[in-house]
């Protein structure tokens, strides 16, 4: 992005600015990503989910650049009119408590707020409670989806708990996806879960669906294509796990697998 590009963008409506900046950010333009981060709060409540924005949002959600995934959360909050502040968190938490039909929506956007630095500890506790205790599996699923934005090691542990213990396979599916490739976690962070996945895959009590998901998660986290046998993965991890972790730690923190 050149100075003339930046000057031109200032003269167009927020919708056009946001769409062009997000498209440029997806293409690796750092200046565009910085401009989007600087301006997105001013556009809260002034953006629409046009066909173009919908396409860009989907691509950004699964970007191989964590910085773009964070921008995706900012765009989604702006689209829904939620400012990045504790007042938004207060409103969403209160409505989630008072309105069960609103709860799935609320927990998803609460996750975005916490992932962008708003009231992390309180929101983490709220999401974890809904993810583990709400009687509605749809609410638990969206709480798990909200938690993928939080980006901390403890949340990976929470998601693995949902992956292995939730009675709903739909919740388990989304928790497993967020552990393995979705969500705002680094590749080095995800390597912590590899021994647990190997143990799960090798447990005779593990049902076939969970075993298949465990092997898929192992492949997505490590990038390795090994046979679907727990002993093979255990041998690989003993021999190559430390070097794979070192490889991920040596890469830029924001570089992840993604679909972009």
Protein backbone atom coordinates (compact mmCIF):
# COMPACT_ATOMS: atom_id res chain seq x y z
CA UNK A 1 0.00 0.00 0.00
CA UNK A 2 1.42 3.35 -1.07
CA UNK A 3 0.88 6.81 0.36
CA UNK A 4 -1.43 7.59 -2.55
CA UNK A 5 -3.46 4.43 -1.79
CA UNK A 6 -3.84 5.49 1.82
CA UNK A 7 -4.85 9.01 0.77
CA UNK A 8 -7.42 7.66 -1.71
CA UNK A 9 -8.95 5.37 0.92
CA UNK A 10 -9.59 8.28 3.26
CA UNK A 11 -12.05 9.69 0.72
CA UNK A 12 -14.24 6.57 0.38
CA UNK A 13 -16.94 5.23 2.75
CA UNK A 14 -15.92 3.02 5.71
CA UNK A 15 -17.37 -0.09 4.04
CA UNK A 16 -15.10 0.29 1.01
CA UNK A 17 -12.12 1.11 3.23
CA UNK A 18 -12.65 -1.93 5.43
CA UNK A 19 -13.11 -4.31 2.51
CA UNK A 20 -10.02 -3.09 0.66
CA UNK A 21 -7.84 -3.08 3.77
CA UNK A 22 -8.94 -6.58 4.78
CA UNK A 23 -8.31 -7.85 1.24
CA UNK A 24 -4.85 -6.29 1.27
CA UNK A 25 -4.14 -7.69 4.74
CA UNK A 26 -5.04 -11.16 3.46
CA UNK A 27 -2.48 -10.64 0.70
CA UNK A 28 0.21 -9.87 3.30
CA UNK A 29 0.18 -6.08 3.18
CA UNK A 30 1.37 -5.02 6.64
CA UNK A 31 0.53 -1.35 6.18
CA UNK A 32 -3.04 -2.26 5.26
CA UNK A 33 -3.32 -4.45 8.35
CA UNK A 34 -2.03 -1.62 10.54
CA UNK A 35 -4.48 0.85 9.02
CA UNK A 36 -7.34 -1.56 9.57
CA UNK A 37 -6.34 -1.98 13.22
CA UNK A 38 -6.07 1.79 13.64
CA UNK A 39 -9.44 2.63 12.07
CA UNK A 40 -11.75 -0.31 12.80
CA UNK A 41 -13.07 1.07 16.08
CA UNK A 42 -14.32 4.19 14.31
CA UNK A 43 -16.33 2.01 11.95
CA UNK A 44 -18.15 0.03 14.65
CA UNK A 45 -21.81 -0.14 13.67
CA UNK A 46 -21.13 1.33 10.22
CA UNK A 47 -20.17 -1.85 8.37
CA UNK A 48 -22.42 -4.38 6.62
CA UNK A 49 -21.93 -8.03 5.78
CA UNK A 50 -21.99 -7.58 2.01
CA UNK A 51 -21.20 -10.57 -0.24
CA UNK A 52 -17.66 -9.23 -0.60
CA UNK A 53 -17.24 -8.76 3.15
CA UNK A 54 -18.65 -12.22 3.82
CA UNK A 55 -16.07 -13.78 1.50
CA UNK A 56 -13.23 -11.79 3.05
CA UNK A 57 -14.39 -12.60 6.58
CA UNK A 58 -14.38 -16.33 5.85
CA UNK A 59 -10.90 -16.20 4.38
CA UNK A 60 -9.59 -14.12 7.29
CA UNK A 61 -11.08 -16.52 9.85
CA UNK A 62 -8.88 -19.31 8.47
CA UNK A 63 -5.85 -17.23 7.50
CA UNK A 64 -2.34 -18.62 7.96
CA UNK A 65 -1.44 -15.29 9.65
CA UNK A 66 -2.68 -14.93 13.24
CA UNK A 67 -2.58 -11.15 12.87
CA UNK A 68 -5.21 -11.44 10.15
CA UNK A 69 -7.30 -13.71 12.38
CA UNK A 70 -7.22 -11.00 15.04
CA UNK A 71 -8.29 -8.48 12.41
CA UNK A 72 -11.13 -10.84 11.55
CA UNK A 73 -12.38 -10.64 15.15
CA UNK A 74 -12.21 -6.84 15.03
CA UNK A 75 -14.20 -6.76 11.79
CA UNK A 76 -16.86 -9.10 13.20
CA UNK A 77 -17.25 -6.97 16.31
CA UNK A 78 -17.56 -3.84 14.18
CA UNK A 79 -20.11 -5.52 11.92
CA UNK A 80 -22.29 -6.34 14.94
CA UNK A 81 -21.85 -2.94 16.55
CA UNK A 82 -19.87 -4.11 19.58
CA UNK A 83 -17.22 -1.67 20.77
CA UNK A 84 -14.02 -3.20 22.15
CA UNK A 85 -14.66 -2.23 25.77
CA UNK A 86 -16.00 -3.53 29.07
CA UNK A 87 -19.41 -1.97 28.48
CA UNK A 88 -19.94 -4.37 25.58
CA UNK A 89 -18.76 -7.26 27.76
CA UNK A 90 -21.18 -6.21 30.54
CA UNK A 91 -24.11 -6.12 28.11
CA UNK A 92 -23.33 -9.46 26.51
CA UNK A 93 -22.78 -11.20 29.85
CA UNK A 94 -26.01 -9.82 31.29
CA UNK A 95 -28.07 -10.74 28.24
CA UNK A 96 -26.54 -14.22 28.09
CA UNK A 97 -27.63 -14.75 31.68
CA UNK A 98 -31.12 -13.31 31.22
CA UNK A 99 -31.98 -14.49 27.71
CA UNK A 100 -31.23 -18.15 26.95
CA UNK A 101 -32.14 -17.64 23.27
CA UNK A 102 -29.45 -14.94 23.03
CA UNK A 103 -26.79 -16.97 24.82
CA UNK A 104 -25.18 -18.68 21.80
CA UNK A 105 -24.69 -15.34 20.08
CA UNK A 106 -23.38 -13.68 23.24
CA UNK A 107 -20.72 -16.25 24.09
CA UNK A 108 -19.31 -16.13 20.56
CA UNK A 109 -18.80 -12.37 20.57
CA UNK A 110 -17.59 -12.39 24.17
CA UNK A 111 -14.78 -14.63 22.98
CA UNK A 112 -13.80 -12.07 20.37
CA UNK A 113 -13.76 -9.31 22.97
CA UNK A 114 -11.56 -11.30 25.36
CA UNK A 115 -9.24 -12.27 22.51
CA UNK A 116 -8.76 -8.59 21.75
CA UNK A 117 -7.82 -7.78 25.34
CA UNK A 118 -11.18 -6.87 26.88
CA UNK A 119 -11.81 -8.22 30.41
CA UNK A 120 -10.07 -11.51 29.64
CA UNK A 121 -10.25 -13.19 33.06
CA UNK A 122 -13.94 -12.53 33.61
CA UNK A 123 -14.95 -13.55 30.09
CA UNK A 124 -12.80 -16.68 30.19
CA UNK A 125 -14.59 -17.78 33.35
CA UNK A 126 -18.01 -17.08 31.83
CA UNK A 127 -17.26 -18.97 28.63
CA UNK A 128 -15.77 -21.91 30.47
CA UNK A 129 -18.86 -22.19 32.67
CA UNK A 130 -21.19 -22.21 29.66
CA UNK A 131 -18.94 -24.60 27.72
CA UNK A 132 -18.88 -27.14 30.53
CA UNK A 133 -22.25 -26.75 32.24
CA UNK A 134 -24.94 -25.29 30.01
CA UNK A 135 -27.60 -27.96 29.33
CA UNK A 136 -28.03 -26.81 25.72
CA UNK A 137 -25.39 -28.35 23.41
CA UNK A 138 -25.79 -25.46 20.98
CA UNK A 139 -24.76 -23.02 23.70
CA UNK A 140 -21.83 -25.23 24.68
CA UNK A 141 -20.76 -25.40 21.03
CA UNK A 142 -20.81 -21.63 20.61
CA UNK A 143 -19.00 -21.16 23.92
CA UNK A 144 -16.29 -23.46 22.54
CA UNK A 145 -16.24 -21.38 19.36
CA UNK A 146 -15.90 -18.19 21.37
CA UNK A 147 -13.00 -19.66 23.34
CA UNK A 148 -10.98 -20.20 20.20
CA UNK A 149 -10.30 -16.44 20.10
CA UNK A 150 -8.73 -16.31 23.57
CA UNK A 151 -5.35 -17.61 22.43
CA UNK A 152 -3.83 -18.77 25.76
CA UNK A 153 -2.45 -22.16 26.82
CA UNK A 154 -5.08 -22.62 29.52
CA UNK A 155 -7.81 -22.30 26.91
CA UNK A 156 -6.28 -25.08 24.81
CA UNK A 157 -6.58 -27.25 27.93
CA UNK A 158 -10.22 -26.18 28.32
CA UNK A 159 -10.94 -27.04 24.69
CA UNK A 160 -9.29 -30.43 25.02
CA UNK A 161 -11.53 -31.10 28.01
CA UNK A 162 -14.60 -30.35 25.87
CA UNK A 163 -13.16 -32.45 23.05
CA UNK A 164 -12.82 -35.50 25.28
CA UNK A 165 -15.72 -35.16 27.71
CA UNK A 166 -18.67 -33.30 26.21
CA UNK A 167 -21.67 -35.60 25.65
CA UNK A 168 -22.40 -33.95 22.28
CA UNK A 169 -20.29 -34.99 19.31
CA UNK A 170 -21.04 -31.66 17.64
CA UNK A 171 -19.37 -29.88 20.56
CA UNK A 172 -16.48 -32.34 20.52
CA UNK A 173 -16.02 -31.79 16.80
CA UNK A 174 -15.70 -28.02 17.14
CA UNK A 175 -13.49 -28.26 20.20
CA UNK A 176 -11.17 -30.62 18.34
CA UNK A 177 -11.04 -28.34 15.32
CA UNK A 178 -10.17 -25.37 17.52
CA UNK A 179 -7.40 -27.35 19.22
CA UNK A 180 -5.89 -28.51 15.95
CA UNK A 181 -6.12 -25.70 13.41
CA UNK A 182 -8.89 -23.16 13.97
CA UNK A 183 -8.66 -20.38 16.48
CA UNK A 184 -5.92 -17.99 17.52
CA UNK A 185 -3.24 -20.30 18.89
CA UNK A 186 0.36 -20.55 17.70
CA UNK A 187 1.75 -23.77 16.27
CA UNK A 188 4.12 -24.07 19.24
CA UNK A 189 1.19 -23.78 21.65
CA UNK A 190 -0.70 -26.56 19.90
CA UNK A 191 2.30 -28.92 20.19
CA UNK A 192 1.55 -29.19 23.93
CA UNK A 193 -1.56 -31.19 23.07
CA UNK A 194 0.21 -33.75 20.87
CA UNK A 195 1.05 -36.22 23.70
CA UNK A 196 -2.54 -36.07 24.93
CA UNK A 197 -3.87 -36.80 21.45
CA UNK A 198 -1.50 -39.75 21.05
CA UNK A 199 -2.59 -41.12 24.41
CA UNK A 200 -6.25 -40.69 23.43
CA UNK A 201 -5.73 -42.41 20.08
CA UNK A 202 -4.01 -45.35 21.76
CA UNK A 203 -6.59 -45.86 24.50
CA UNK A 204 -8.63 -49.03 23.76
CA UNK A 205 -11.69 -47.33 25.29
CA UNK A 206 -11.62 -44.50 22.73
CA UNK A 207 -14.51 -44.79 20.29
CA UNK A 208 -13.67 -44.89 16.55
CA UNK A 209 -14.92 -41.37 15.82
CA UNK A 210 -12.75 -39.86 18.55
CA UNK A 211 -9.77 -41.92 17.42
CA UNK A 212 -10.18 -40.66 13.85
CA UNK A 213 -10.47 -37.07 15.03
CA UNK A 214 -7.36 -37.51 17.19
CA UNK A 215 -5.28 -38.64 14.23
CA UNK A 216 -6.64 -35.81 12.10
CA UNK A 217 -5.71 -33.30 14.81
CA UNK A 218 -2.21 -34.78 15.05
CA UNK A 219 -1.71 -34.35 11.33
CA UNK A 220 -2.98 -30.78 11.36
CA UNK A 221 -0.91 -29.71 14.35
CA UNK A 222 2.37 -31.28 13.25
CA UNK A 223 2.05 -31.25 9.47
CA UNK A 224 3.16 -34.88 9.44
CA UNK A 225 1.49 -37.62 7.36
CA UNK A 226 1.91 -40.79 9.39
CA UNK A 227 -0.14 -43.98 9.56
CA UNK A 228 -3.16 -43.86 11.86
CA UNK A 229 -1.47 -45.95 14.54
CA UNK A 230 -0.83 -44.58 18.02
CA UNK A 231 2.45 -46.47 18.41
CA UNK A 232 3.81 -44.93 15.20
CA UNK A 233 2.90 -41.46 16.40
CA UNK A 234 4.39 -42.14 19.84
CA UNK A 235 7.67 -43.24 18.26
CA UNK A 236 7.68 -40.18 16.02
CA UNK A 237 7.04 -37.84 18.95
CA UNK A 238 9.84 -39.31 21.04
CA UNK A 239 12.28 -38.99 18.14
CA UNK A 240 11.15 -35.74 16.52
CA UNK A 241 8.79 -33.90 18.86
CA UNK A 242 11.45 -31.56 20.33
CA UNK A 243 12.82 -30.60 16.93
CA UNK A 244 9.32 -29.98 15.56
CA UNK A 245 8.60 -27.72 18.54
CA UNK A 246 11.90 -25.90 17.97
CA UNK A 247 10.97 -25.45 14.32
CA UNK A 248 7.66 -23.85 15.24
CA UNK A 249 9.30 -21.66 17.90
CA UNK A 250 11.82 -20.38 15.34
CA UNK A 251 9.09 -19.23 12.97
CA UNK A 252 7.35 -15.84 13.29
CA UNK A 253 4.78 -16.13 16.10
CA UNK A 254 1.93 -15.30 13.75
CA UNK A 255 2.73 -17.95 11.11
CA UNK A 256 0.31 -20.87 11.39
CA UNK A 257 -1.06 -23.59 9.16
CA UNK A 258 -4.38 -22.08 8.11
CA UNK A 259 -6.09 -22.40 4.76
CA UNK A 260 -4.69 -19.28 3.10
